[in-house]
């Protein structure tokens, strides 16, 4: 039932009159009418959590997403229910990973927007070919591709040469690279700067977990912490990069790492891939890696 013009006043609350036919909606395109005041659903909580995690103000988020600060406030308080398009826009503006964007959509009753294609699916044949080409091009320097938990997806020959003497259980799929590096029966006994390298590995994992919380990642960090000594970061840590100093039968290697990822993915599997290349930090290491590759491939 529509109320007379001007609406009805009940104490300090005002009950708005029904909109006339064709009246403009009060909220941006892609959003539904306001929810009842005081309601806070999981999506409103999650969006606010992501915004605070990224240290972004409501005004900054509004500017990024092309909406208003008032509307961001309404969404976070539960007074407005965001539509599918608005959830995607806000998630993109907050750099929420694709997997977590799908979770936000599902929590709102919408279908996921980003597919998660199995790595061995024919749809990813061009991606697999590109990754293998990059990996093989890095020979004789080690290179690997891992997923979001550091699980090995693929590796080149040079990397397999480095891990030839570790415990077979650590190189039986699924292979976790942080565990392979820091486990007492993995590469850890051969790392001459284990304190420094362990600090580097754990710090990177903790940064990732803080940016995108993940129970599996937390469990991995807790496990790795039991393997590693109390970090002792020497003054040389202030150099331009932390090297991996690895003792091998052929001599000691000094390696630097670089990380690469796909810039504009729309598939969860592809978005979570990370290529890590181990490059020589000095000329003797470059020579030694070339010699090791020659011996392993006579």
Foldseek 3Di string as FASTA:
>chain_A
DFDPPPADDDPPDGDDGDDDPPDDDPADPQWDAFDPQQDAAPLLCVLVVLCVLLPHQLQRLCVQLVHHSVVNVSSNRRRIGGGLVSLVSSCVSSVPALVVSQVSQVSSVHHRQFAADPCPDPVCVVVVVVVVVVQQVLPLFKKFKAFQQQFTDDIDPNVCLQFVQADPVCVDPRHRVVCQCQAPRHQQVFFPQQLQVLCVVLVVLVVSCSNPPDVSSVVVSVVSVVRGDHRDDDPCCPDPFDWGWGQDPLGTFTWGKDKDADDDDRHNGRRRMIMITTDGPDDVNVVSSVVSVVVVPD
